[in-house]
Amino acid sequence: MTALSIWPKTINEAVELMVDTMTDVDKSELLNTKKEDLSRFHYTLGMLICGWFGLYNGNNTLLESCANTRKNEIERLLILNDPEEASMIIMEAIWKKLRADMKVPV
């Protein structure tokens, strides 16, 4: 996904697109990871999210959606300028969706 017109605009859109493309093995691995250990996927899933969804290439709408999850203005500014931090927000949302779909407590 590289064209601006198909980049997700919201976290929910990004989550749906990512979950639809993940293998069952990938879903299972993420599902069985503790929330505090999600950073282990930074160089795999996190980089994929950044690349596919244009976080490095101007998808400011999705960056803003990620930033708006934070109440603190400094945190929002950090996320607006850090695609990798935004990808972690999306990754956590994917993790939560997988757990909700499987009825696993968060």
PDB file of N, CA and C in Angstrom:
ATOM      1  N   MET A   1       0.840  -1.184   0.000  1.00  0.00           N
ATOM      2  CA  MET A   1       0.000   0.000   0.000  1.00  0.00           C
ATOM      3  C   MET A   1       0.880   1.239   0.000  1.00  0.00           C
ATOM      4  N   THR A   2       0.901   1.903  -1.106  1.00  0.00           N
ATOM      5  CA  THR A   2       1.716   3.103  -1.158  1.00  0.00           C
ATOM      6  C   THR A   2       0.950   4.317  -1.646  1.00  0.00           C
ATOM      7  N   ALA A   3      -0.133   4.127  -2.326  1.00  0.00           N
ATOM      8  CA  ALA A   3      -0.876   5.262  -2.855  1.00  0.00           C
ATOM      9  C   ALA A   3      -1.632   5.971  -1.740  1.00  0.00           C
ATOM     10  N   LEU A   4      -1.521   7.286  -1.764  1.00  0.00           N
ATOM     11  CA  LEU A   4      -2.192   8.103  -0.762  1.00  0.00           C
ATOM     12  C   LEU A   4      -3.675   7.783  -0.626  1.00  0.00           C
ATOM     13  N   SER A   5      -4.340   7.516  -1.727  1.00  0.00           N
ATOM     14  CA  SER A   5      -5.786   7.321  -1.692  1.00  0.00           C
ATOM     15  C   SER A   5      -6.197   6.051  -0.948  1.00  0.00           C
ATOM     16  N   ILE A   6      -5.283   5.100  -0.776  1.00  0.00           N
ATOM     17  CA  ILE A   6      -5.666   3.871  -0.091  1.00  0.00           C
ATOM     18  C   ILE A   6      -5.075   3.762   1.309  1.00  0.00           C
ATOM     19  N   TRP A   7      -4.358   4.776   1.736  1.00  0.00           N
ATOM     20  CA  TRP A   7      -3.845   4.766   3.102  1.00  0.00           C
ATOM     21  C   TRP A   7      -5.011   4.856   4.084  1.00  0.00           C
ATOM     22  N   PRO A   8      -4.965   4.100   5.150  1.00  0.00           N
ATOM     23  CA  PRO A   8      -6.014   4.238   6.163  1.00  0.00           C
ATOM     24  C   PRO A   8      -5.954   5.616   6.814  1.00  0.00           C
ATOM     25  N   LYS A   9      -7.103   6.114   7.186  1.00  0.00           N
ATOM     26  CA  LYS A   9      -7.178   7.443   7.799  1.00  0.00           C
ATOM     27  C   LYS A   9      -7.350   7.375   9.307  1.00  0.00           C
ATOM     28  N   THR A  10      -7.798   6.232   9.801  1.00  0.00           N
ATOM     29  CA  THR A  10      -8.031   6.079  11.234  1.00  0.00           C
ATOM     30  C   THR A  10      -7.310   4.829  11.743  1.00  0.00           C
ATOM     31  N   ILE A  11      -7.177   4.770  13.045  1.00  0.00           N
ATOM     32  CA  ILE A  11      -6.580   3.586  13.669  1.00  0.00           C
ATOM     33  C   ILE A  11      -7.427   2.363  13.353  1.00  0.00           C
ATOM     34  N   ASN A  12      -8.740   2.497  13.444  1.00  0.00           N
ATOM     35  CA  ASN A  12      -9.623   1.356  13.177  1.00  0.00           C
ATOM     36  C   ASN A  12      -9.471   0.838  11.750  1.00  0.00           C
ATOM     37  N   GLU A  13      -9.347   1.731  10.777  1.00  0.00           N
ATOM     38  CA  GLU A  13      -9.129   1.308   9.395  1.00  0.00           C
ATOM     39  C   GLU A  13      -7.801   0.559   9.278  1.00  0.00           C
ATOM     40  N   ALA A  14      -6.761   1.091   9.915  1.00  0.00           N
ATOM     41  CA  ALA A  14      -5.445   0.451   9.877  1.00  0.00           C
ATOM     42  C   ALA A  14      -5.499  -0.937  10.510  1.00  0.00           C
ATOM     43  N   VAL A  15      -6.192  -1.034  11.635  1.00  0.00           N
ATOM     44  CA  VAL A  15      -6.324  -2.320  12.329  1.00  0.00           C
ATOM     45  C   VAL A  15      -7.033  -3.336  11.428  1.00  0.00           C
ATOM     46  N   GLU A  16      -8.138  -2.952  10.832  1.00  0.00           N
ATOM     47  CA  GLU A  16      -8.888  -3.873   9.971  1.00  0.00           C
ATOM     48  C   GLU A  16      -8.035  -4.348   8.796  1.00  0.00           C
ATOM     49  N   LEU A  17      -7.328  -3.416   8.158  1.00  0.00           N
ATOM     50  CA  LEU A  17      -6.476  -3.791   7.029  1.00  0.00           C
ATOM     51  C   LEU A  17      -5.373  -4.750   7.461  1.00  0.00           C
ATOM     52  N   MET A  18      -4.760  -4.474   8.589  1.00  0.00           N
ATOM     53  CA  MET A  18      -3.655  -5.301   9.062  1.00  0.00           C
ATOM     54  C   MET A  18      -4.145  -6.683   9.462  1.00  0.00           C
ATOM     55  N   VAL A  19      -5.222  -6.744  10.208  1.00  0.00           N
ATOM     56  CA  VAL A  19      -5.758  -8.038  10.651  1.00  0.00           C
ATOM     57  C   VAL A  19      -6.158  -8.884   9.439  1.00  0.00           C
ATOM     58  N   ASP A  20      -6.715  -8.251   8.414  1.00  0.00           N
ATOM     59  CA  ASP A  20      -7.131  -8.978   7.208  1.00  0.00           C
ATOM     60  C   ASP A  20      -5.946  -9.581   6.456  1.00  0.00           C
ATOM     61  N   THR A  21      -4.753  -9.019   6.612  1.00  0.00           N
ATOM     62  CA  THR A  21      -3.591  -9.515   5.874  1.00  0.00           C
ATOM     63  C   THR A  21      -2.679 -10.411   6.707  1.00  0.00           C
ATOM     64  N   MET A  22      -2.904 -10.473   8.002  1.00  0.00           N
ATOM     65  CA  MET A  22      -2.050 -11.289   8.864  1.00  0.00           C
ATOM     66  C   MET A  22      -2.381 -12.769   8.728  1.00  0.00           C
ATOM     67  N   THR A  23      -1.350 -13.609   8.831  1.00  0.00           N
ATOM     68  CA  THR A  23      -1.572 -15.053   8.842  1.00  0.00           C
ATOM     69  C   THR A  23      -2.085 -15.462  10.213  1.00  0.00           C
ATOM     70  N   ASP A  24      -2.647 -16.649  10.285  1.00  0.00           N
ATOM     71  CA  ASP A  24      -3.112 -17.162  11.571  1.00  0.00           C
ATOM     72  C   ASP A  24      -1.951 -17.309  12.549  1.00  0.00           C
ATOM     73  N   VAL A  25      -0.789 -17.691  12.042  1.00  0.00           N
ATOM     74  CA  VAL A  25       0.399 -17.836  12.897  1.00  0.00           C
ATOM     75  C   VAL A  25       0.785 -16.482  13.483  1.00  0.00           C
ATOM     76  N   ASP A  26       0.789 -15.427  12.639  1.00  0.00           N
ATOM     77  CA  ASP A  26       1.124 -14.079  13.116  1.00  0.00           C
ATOM     78  C   ASP A  26       0.107 -13.592  14.151  1.00  0.00           C
ATOM     79  N   LYS A  27      -1.155 -13.849  13.874  1.00  0.00           N
ATOM     80  CA  LYS A  27      -2.204 -13.444  14.815  1.00  0.00           C
ATOM     81  C   LYS A  27      -2.018 -14.148  16.158  1.00  0.00           C
ATOM     82  N   SER A  28      -1.748 -15.433  16.092  1.00  0.00           N
ATOM     83  CA  SER A  28      -1.564 -16.216  17.309  1.00  0.00           C
ATOM     84  C   SER A  28      -0.367 -15.723  18.116  1.00  0.00           C
ATOM     85  N   GLU A  29       0.726 -15.418  17.414  1.00  0.00           N
ATOM     86  CA  GLU A  29       1.924 -14.932  18.111  1.00  0.00           C
ATOM     87  C   GLU A  29       1.650 -13.600  18.803  1.00  0.00           C
ATOM     88  N   LEU A  30       0.979 -12.701  18.106  1.00  0.00           N
ATOM     89  CA  LEU A  30       0.653 -11.408  18.700  1.00  0.00           C
ATOM     90  C   LEU A  30      -0.353 -11.574  19.846  1.00  0.00           C
ATOM     91  N   LEU A  31      -1.346 -12.383  19.625  1.00  0.00           N
ATOM     92  CA  LEU A  31      -2.382 -12.632  20.625  1.00  0.00           C
ATOM     93  C   LEU A  31      -1.796 -13.175  21.924  1.00  0.00           C
ATOM     94  N   ASN A  32      -0.800 -14.023  21.816  1.00  0.00           N
ATOM     95  CA  ASN A  32      -0.208 -14.666  22.983  1.00  0.00           C
ATOM     96  C   ASN A  32       0.955 -13.886  23.595  1.00  0.00           C
ATOM     97  N   THR A  33       1.106 -12.645  23.196  1.00  0.00           N
ATOM     98  CA  THR A  33       2.139 -11.775  23.746  1.00  0.00           C
ATOM     99  C   THR A  33       1.511 -10.851  24.780  1.00  0.00           C
ATOM    100  N   LYS A  34       2.197 -10.646  25.879  1.00  0.00           N
ATOM    101  CA  LYS A  34       1.715  -9.702  26.893  1.00  0.00           C
ATOM    102  C   LYS A  34       1.818  -8.281  26.338  1.00  0.00           C
ATOM    103  N   LYS A  35       0.911  -7.436  26.765  1.00  0.00           N
ATOM    104  CA  LYS A  35       0.877  -6.051  26.288  1.00  0.00           C
ATOM    105  C   LYS A  35       2.230  -5.369  26.467  1.00  0.00           C
ATOM    106  N   GLU A  36       2.849  -5.575  27.622  1.00  0.00           N
ATOM    107  CA  GLU A  36       4.129  -4.906  27.885  1.00  0.00           C
ATOM    108  C   GLU A  36       5.273  -5.449  27.032  1.00  0.00           C
ATOM    109  N   ASP A  37       5.043  -6.559  26.327  1.00  0.00           N
ATOM    110  CA  ASP A  37       6.081  -7.143  25.475  1.00  0.00           C
ATOM    111  C   ASP A  37       5.861  -6.887  23.990  1.00  0.00           C
ATOM    112  N   LEU A  38       4.859  -6.091  23.635  1.00  0.00           N
ATOM    113  CA  LEU A  38       4.569  -5.827  22.225  1.00  0.00           C
ATOM    114  C   LEU A  38       5.731  -5.165  21.492  1.00  0.00           C
ATOM    115  N   SER A  39       6.591  -4.484  22.213  1.00  0.00           N
ATOM    116  CA  SER A  39       7.716  -3.795  21.568  1.00  0.00           C
ATOM    117  C   SER A  39       8.648  -4.776  20.862  1.00  0.00           C
ATOM    118  N   ARG A  40       8.554  -6.047  21.162  1.00  0.00           N
ATOM    119  CA  ARG A  40       9.402  -7.026  20.477  1.00  0.00           C
ATOM    120  C   ARG A  40       9.064  -7.123  18.994  1.00  0.00           C
ATOM    121  N   PHE A  41       7.898  -6.626  18.608  1.00  0.00           N
ATOM    122  CA  PHE A  41       7.485  -6.621  17.206  1.00  0.00           C
ATOM    123  C   PHE A  41       7.823  -5.306  16.498  1.00  0.00           C
ATOM    124  N   HIS A  42       8.579  -4.439  17.158  1.00  0.00           N
ATOM    125  CA  HIS A  42       8.906  -3.122  16.617  1.00  0.00           C
ATOM    126  C   HIS A  42       9.547  -3.217  15.230  1.00  0.00           C
ATOM    127  N   TYR A  43      10.532  -4.115  15.084  1.00  0.00           N
ATOM    128  CA  TYR A  43      11.271  -4.193  13.815  1.00  0.00           C
ATOM    129  C   TYR A  43      10.619  -5.096  12.782  1.00  0.00           C
ATOM    130  N   THR A  44       9.486  -5.667  13.096  1.00  0.00           N
ATOM    131  CA  THR A  44       8.776  -6.493  12.127  1.00  0.00           C
ATOM    132  C   THR A  44       7.430  -5.849  11.827  1.00  0.00           C
ATOM    133  N   LEU A  45       6.453  -6.110  12.648  1.00  0.00           N
ATOM    134  CA  LEU A  45       5.117  -5.566  12.432  1.00  0.00           C
ATOM    135  C   LEU A  45       5.113  -4.040  12.481  1.00  0.00           C
ATOM    136  N   GLY A  46       5.856  -3.471  13.400  1.00  0.00           N
ATOM    137  CA  GLY A  46       5.898  -2.013  13.525  1.00  0.00           C
ATOM    138  C   GLY A  46       6.407  -1.328  12.266  1.00  0.00           C
ATOM    139  N   MET A  47       7.488  -1.862  11.692  1.00  0.00           N
ATOM    140  CA  MET A  47       8.045  -1.278  10.463  1.00  0.00           C
ATOM    141  C   MET A  47       7.099  -1.503   9.281  1.00  0.00           C
ATOM    142  N   LEU A  48       6.428  -2.656   9.263  1.00  0.00           N
ATOM    143  CA  LEU A  48       5.463  -2.935   8.213  1.00  0.00           C
ATOM    144  C   LEU A  48       4.317  -1.924   8.265  1.00  0.00           C
ATOM    145  N   ILE A  49       3.832  -1.661   9.455  1.00  0.00           N
ATOM    146  CA  ILE A  49       2.770  -0.669   9.631  1.00  0.00           C
ATOM    147  C   ILE A  49       3.223   0.695   9.132  1.00  0.00           C
ATOM    148  N   CYS A  50       4.407   1.102   9.516  1.00  0.00           N
ATOM    149  CA  CYS A  50       4.935   2.406   9.079  1.00  0.00           C
ATOM    150  C   CYS A  50       5.016   2.495   7.559  1.00  0.00           C
ATOM    151  N   GLY A  51       5.521   1.444   6.944  1.00  0.00           N
ATOM    152  CA  GLY A  51       5.696   1.455   5.491  1.00  0.00           C
ATOM    153  C   GLY A  51       4.396   1.345   4.721  1.00  0.00           C
ATOM    154  N   TRP A  52       3.588   0.372   5.054  1.00  0.00           N
ATOM    155  CA  TRP A  52       2.343   0.145   4.319  1.00  0.00           C
ATOM    156  C   TRP A  52       1.358   1.285   4.463  1.00  0.00           C
ATOM    157  N   PHE A  53       1.310   1.880   5.626  1.00  0.00           N
ATOM    158  CA  PHE A  53       0.283   2.880   5.892  1.00  0.00           C
ATOM    159  C   PHE A  53       0.771   4.312   5.751  1.00  0.00           C
ATOM    160  N   GLY A  54       1.961   4.486   5.210  1.00  0.00           N
ATOM    161  CA  GLY A  54       2.449   5.821   4.865  1.00  0.00           C
ATOM    162  C   GLY A  54       2.851   6.689   6.039  1.00  0.00           C
ATOM    163  N   LEU A  55       3.153   6.083   7.173  1.00  0.00           N
ATOM    164  CA  LEU A  55       3.521   6.902   8.335  1.00  0.00           C
ATOM    165  C   LEU A  55       4.855   7.614   8.122  1.00  0.00           C
ATOM    166  N   TYR A  56       5.719   7.035   7.300  1.00  0.00           N
ATOM    167  CA  TYR A  56       6.991   7.694   6.963  1.00  0.00           C
ATOM    168  C   TYR A  56       6.847   8.658   5.790  1.00  0.00           C
ATOM    169  N   ASN A  57       5.724   8.545   5.077  1.00  0.00           N
ATOM    170  CA  ASN A  57       5.600   9.255   3.800  1.00  0.00           C
ATOM    171  C   ASN A  57       4.442  10.230   3.714  1.00  0.00           C
ATOM    172  N   GLY A  58       4.010  10.764   4.828  1.00  0.00           N
ATOM    173  CA  GLY A  58       3.029  11.836   4.769  1.00  0.00           C
ATOM    174  C   GLY A  58       1.590  11.486   5.089  1.00  0.00           C
ATOM    175  N   ASN A  59       1.327  10.338   5.685  1.00  0.00           N
ATOM    176  CA  ASN A  59      -0.053  10.043   6.074  1.00  0.00           C
ATOM    177  C   ASN A  59      -0.340  10.746   7.407  1.00  0.00           C
ATOM    178  N   ASN A  60      -0.437  12.060   7.308  1.00  0.00           N
ATOM    179  CA  ASN A  60      -0.657  12.883   8.503  1.00  0.00           C
ATOM    180  C   ASN A  60      -2.012  12.620   9.152  1.00  0.00           C
ATOM    181  N   THR A  61      -2.982  12.204   8.376  1.00  0.00           N
ATOM    182  CA  THR A  61      -4.308  11.927   8.929  1.00  0.00           C
ATOM    183  C   THR A  61      -4.235  10.769   9.917  1.00  0.00           C
ATOM    184  N   LEU A  62      -3.514   9.711   9.554  1.00  0.00           N
ATOM    185  CA  LEU A  62      -3.371   8.571  10.459  1.00  0.00           C
ATOM    186  C   LEU A  62      -2.486   8.940  11.653  1.00  0.00           C
ATOM    187  N   LEU A  63      -1.436   9.718  11.418  1.00  0.00           N
ATOM    188  CA  LEU A  63      -0.603  10.182  12.537  1.00  0.00           C
ATOM    189  C   LEU A  63      -1.444  10.976  13.529  1.00  0.00           C
ATOM    190  N   GLU A  64      -2.319  11.835  13.008  1.00  0.00           N
ATOM    191  CA  GLU A  64      -3.193  12.628  13.884  1.00  0.00           C
ATOM    192  C   GLU A  64      -4.165  11.735  14.643  1.00  0.00           C
ATOM    193  N   SER A  65      -4.684  10.710  13.978  1.00  0.00           N
ATOM    194  CA  SER A  65      -5.578   9.777  14.649  1.00  0.00           C
ATOM    195  C   SER A  65      -4.870   9.101  15.820  1.00  0.00           C
ATOM    196  N   CYS A  66      -3.622   8.720  15.606  1.00  0.00           N
ATOM    197  CA  CYS A  66      -2.824   8.109  16.680  1.00  0.00           C
ATOM    198  C   CYS A  66      -2.547   9.120  17.786  1.00  0.00           C
ATOM    199  N   ALA A  67      -2.179  10.326  17.399  1.00  0.00           N
ATOM    200  CA  ALA A  67      -1.861  11.369  18.380  1.00  0.00           C
ATOM    201  C   ALA A  67      -3.075  11.703  19.242  1.00  0.00           C
ATOM    202  N   ASN A  68      -4.248  11.643  18.648  1.00  0.00           N
ATOM    203  CA  ASN A  68      -5.467  11.994  19.384  1.00  0.00           C
ATOM    204  C   ASN A  68      -5.838  10.970  20.450  1.00  0.00           C
ATOM    205  N   THR A  69      -5.107   9.875  20.538  1.00  0.00           N
ATOM    206  CA  THR A  69      -5.356   8.910  21.612  1.00  0.00           C
ATOM    207  C   THR A  69      -4.730   9.369  22.921  1.00  0.00           C
ATOM    208  N   ARG A  70      -3.938  10.432  22.857  1.00  0.00           N
ATOM    209  CA  ARG A  70      -3.236  10.927  24.037  1.00  0.00           C
ATOM    210  C   ARG A  70      -3.839  12.247  24.495  1.00  0.00           C
ATOM    211  N   LYS A  71      -3.973  12.414  25.795  1.00  0.00           N
ATOM    212  CA  LYS A  71      -4.526  13.653  26.349  1.00  0.00           C
ATOM    213  C   LYS A  71      -3.461  14.716  26.510  1.00  0.00           C
ATOM    214  N   ASN A  72      -2.252  14.292  26.777  1.00  0.00           N
ATOM    215  CA  ASN A  72      -1.145  15.208  27.010  1.00  0.00           C
ATOM    216  C   ASN A  72      -0.658  15.792  25.674  1.00  0.00           C
ATOM    217  N   GLU A  73      -0.588  17.120  25.592  1.00  0.00           N
ATOM    218  CA  GLU A  73      -0.205  17.784  24.354  1.00  0.00           C
ATOM    219  C   GLU A  73       1.209  17.412  23.913  1.00  0.00           C
ATOM    220  N   ILE A  74       2.111  17.260  24.845  1.00  0.00           N
ATOM    221  CA  ILE A  74       3.491  16.894  24.502  1.00  0.00           C
ATOM    222  C   ILE A  74       3.513  15.497  23.886  1.00  0.00           C
ATOM    223  N   GLU A  75       2.757  14.566  24.451  1.00  0.00           N
ATOM    224  CA  GLU A  75       2.679  13.220  23.889  1.00  0.00           C
ATOM    225  C   GLU A  75       2.074  13.252  22.487  1.00  0.00           C
ATOM    226  N   ARG A  76       1.050  14.073  22.283  1.00  0.00           N
ATOM    227  CA  ARG A  76       0.446  14.190  20.949  1.00  0.00           C
ATOM    228  C   ARG A  76       1.460  14.705  19.943  1.00  0.00           C
ATOM    229  N   LEU A  77       2.231  15.711  20.327  1.00  0.00           N
ATOM    230  CA  LEU A  77       3.256  16.257  19.425  1.00  0.00           C
ATOM    231  C   LEU A  77       4.326  15.225  19.121  1.00  0.00           C
ATOM    232  N   LEU A  78       4.704  14.459  20.116  1.00  0.00           N
ATOM    233  CA  LEU A  78       5.702  13.408  19.917  1.00  0.00           C
ATOM    234  C   LEU A  78       5.216  12.411  18.873  1.00  0.00           C
ATOM    235  N   ILE A  79       3.987  11.964  18.999  1.00  0.00           N
ATOM    236  CA  ILE A  79       3.443  10.972  18.069  1.00  0.00           C
ATOM    237  C   ILE A  79       3.316  11.554  16.665  1.00  0.00           C
ATOM    238  N   LEU A  80       2.922  12.808  16.560  1.00  0.00           N
ATOM    239  CA  LEU A  80       2.816  13.442  15.239  1.00  0.00           C
ATOM    240  C   LEU A  80       4.154  13.452  14.512  1.00  0.00           C
ATOM    241  N   ASN A  81       5.243  13.444  15.269  1.00  0.00           N
ATOM    242  CA  ASN A  81       6.578  13.512  14.683  1.00  0.00           C
ATOM    243  C   ASN A  81       7.359  12.210  14.797  1.00  0.00           C
ATOM    244  N   ASP A  82       6.702  11.149  15.195  1.00  0.00           N
ATOM    245  CA  ASP A  82       7.388   9.879  15.375  1.00  0.00           C
ATOM    246  C   ASP A  82       6.527   8.729  14.846  1.00  0.00           C
ATOM    247  N   PRO A  83       6.678   8.397  13.558  1.00  0.00           N
ATOM    248  CA  PRO A  83       5.888   7.328  12.969  1.00  0.00           C
ATOM    249  C   PRO A  83       6.010   5.998  13.712  1.00  0.00           C
ATOM    250  N   GLU A  84       7.152   5.723  14.278  1.00  0.00           N
ATOM    251  CA  GLU A  84       7.341   4.458  14.980  1.00  0.00           C
ATOM    252  C   GLU A  84       6.518   4.404  16.270  1.00  0.00           C
ATOM    253  N   GLU A  85       6.383   5.538  16.927  1.00  0.00           N
ATOM    254  CA  GLU A  85       5.520   5.604  18.120  1.00  0.00           C
ATOM    255  C   GLU A  85       4.057   5.412  17.704  1.00  0.00           C
ATOM    256  N   ALA A  86       3.694   6.011  16.578  1.00  0.00           N
ATOM    257  CA  ALA A  86       2.326   5.836  16.062  1.00  0.00           C
ATOM    258  C   ALA A  86       2.074   4.379  15.709  1.00  0.00           C
ATOM    259  N   SER A  87       3.070   3.710  15.137  1.00  0.00           N
ATOM    260  CA  SER A  87       2.884   2.304  14.778  1.00  0.00           C
ATOM    261  C   SER A  87       2.656   1.441  16.011  1.00  0.00           C
ATOM    262  N   MET A  88       3.243   1.813  17.138  1.00  0.00           N
ATOM    263  CA  MET A  88       3.028   1.062  18.379  1.00  0.00           C
ATOM    264  C   MET A  88       1.582   1.223  18.868  1.00  0.00           C
ATOM    265  N   ILE A  89       1.006   2.396  18.658  1.00  0.00           N
ATOM    266  CA  ILE A  89      -0.396   2.613  19.020  1.00  0.00           C
ATOM    267  C   ILE A  89      -1.292   1.716  18.166  1.00  0.00           C
ATOM    268  N   ILE A  90      -0.988   1.635  16.883  1.00  0.00           N
ATOM    269  CA  ILE A  90      -1.760   0.783  15.983  1.00  0.00           C
ATOM    270  C   ILE A  90      -1.559  -0.691  16.351  1.00  0.00           C
ATOM    271  N   MET A  91      -0.309  -1.052  16.661  1.00  0.00           N
ATOM    272  CA  MET A  91      -0.019  -2.434  17.037  1.00  0.00           C
ATOM    273  C   MET A  91      -0.801  -2.834  18.296  1.00  0.00           C
ATOM    274  N   GLU A  92      -0.852  -1.942  19.256  1.00  0.00           N
ATOM    275  CA  GLU A  92      -1.617  -2.235  20.474  1.00  0.00           C
ATOM    276  C   GLU A  92      -3.104  -2.368  20.152  1.00  0.00           C
ATOM    277  N   ALA A  93      -3.597  -1.557  19.228  1.00  0.00           N
ATOM    278  CA  ALA A  93      -5.004  -1.654  18.833  1.00  0.00           C
ATOM    279  C   ALA A  93      -5.274  -2.986  18.121  1.00  0.00           C
ATOM    280  N   ILE A  94      -4.322  -3.455  17.330  1.00  0.00           N
ATOM    281  CA  ILE A  94      -4.450  -4.767  16.684  1.00  0.00           C
ATOM    282  C   ILE A  94      -4.508  -5.854  17.756  1.00  0.00           C
ATOM    283  N   TRP A  95      -3.603  -5.765  18.716  1.00  0.00           N
ATOM    284  CA  TRP A  95      -3.539  -6.719  19.827  1.00  0.00           C
ATOM    285  C   TRP A  95      -4.874  -6.759  20.573  1.00  0.00           C
ATOM    286  N   LYS A  96      -5.430  -5.573  20.866  1.00  0.00           N
ATOM    287  CA  LYS A  96      -6.709  -5.503  21.578  1.00  0.00           C
ATOM    288  C   LYS A  96      -7.841  -6.117  20.745  1.00  0.00           C
ATOM    289  N   LYS A  97      -7.847  -5.849  19.447  1.00  0.00           N
ATOM    290  CA  LYS A  97      -8.896  -6.412  18.583  1.00  0.00           C
ATOM    291  C   LYS A  97      -8.798  -7.929  18.548  1.00  0.00           C
ATOM    292  N   LEU A  98      -7.592  -8.453  18.379  1.00  0.00           N
ATOM    293  CA  LEU A  98      -7.431  -9.912  18.346  1.00  0.00           C
ATOM    294  C   LEU A  98      -7.912 -10.540  19.648  1.00  0.00           C
ATOM    295  N   ARG A  99      -7.579  -9.900  20.749  1.00  0.00           N
ATOM    296  CA  ARG A  99      -7.991 -10.430  22.049  1.00  0.00           C
ATOM    297  C   ARG A  99      -9.508 -10.342  22.212  1.00  0.00           C
ATOM    298  N   ALA A 100     -10.102  -9.242  21.758  1.00  0.00           N
ATOM    299  CA  ALA A 100     -11.559  -9.093  21.844  1.00  0.00           C
ATOM    300  C   ALA A 100     -12.255 -10.136  20.966  1.00  0.00           C
ATOM    301  N   ASP A 101     -11.730 -10.344  19.747  1.00  0.00           N
ATOM    302  CA  ASP A 101     -12.317 -11.322  18.841  1.00  0.00           C
ATOM    303  C   ASP A 101     -12.267 -12.732  19.415  1.00  0.00           C
ATOM    304  N   MET A 102     -11.223 -13.031  20.156  1.00  0.00           N
ATOM    305  CA  MET A 102     -11.041 -14.362  20.747  1.00  0.00           C
ATOM    306  C   MET A 102     -11.568 -14.431  22.173  1.00  0.00           C
ATOM    307  N   LYS A 103     -12.136 -13.310  22.634  1.00  0.00           N
ATOM    308  CA  LYS A 103     -12.680 -13.201  23.997  1.00  0.00           C
ATOM    309  C   LYS A 103     -11.640 -13.516  25.070  1.00  0.00           C
ATOM    310  N   VAL A 104     -10.419 -12.971  24.834  1.00  0.00           N
ATOM    311  CA  VAL A 104      -9.326 -13.093  25.797  1.00  0.00           C
ATOM    312  C   VAL A 104      -9.250 -11.780  26.558  1.00  0.00           C
ATOM    313  N   PRO A 105      -9.226 -11.798  27.879  1.00  0.00           N
ATOM    314  CA  PRO A 105      -9.148 -10.542  28.641  1.00  0.00           C
ATOM    315  C   PRO A 105      -7.900  -9.733  28.279  1.00  0.00           C
ATOM    316  N   VAL A 106      -8.065  -8.424  28.271  1.00  0.00           N
ATOM    317  CA  VAL A 106      -6.936  -7.537  27.943  1.00  0.00           C
ATOM    318  C   VAL A 106      -6.038  -7.376  29.133  1.00  0.00           C
TER     319      VAL A 106
END
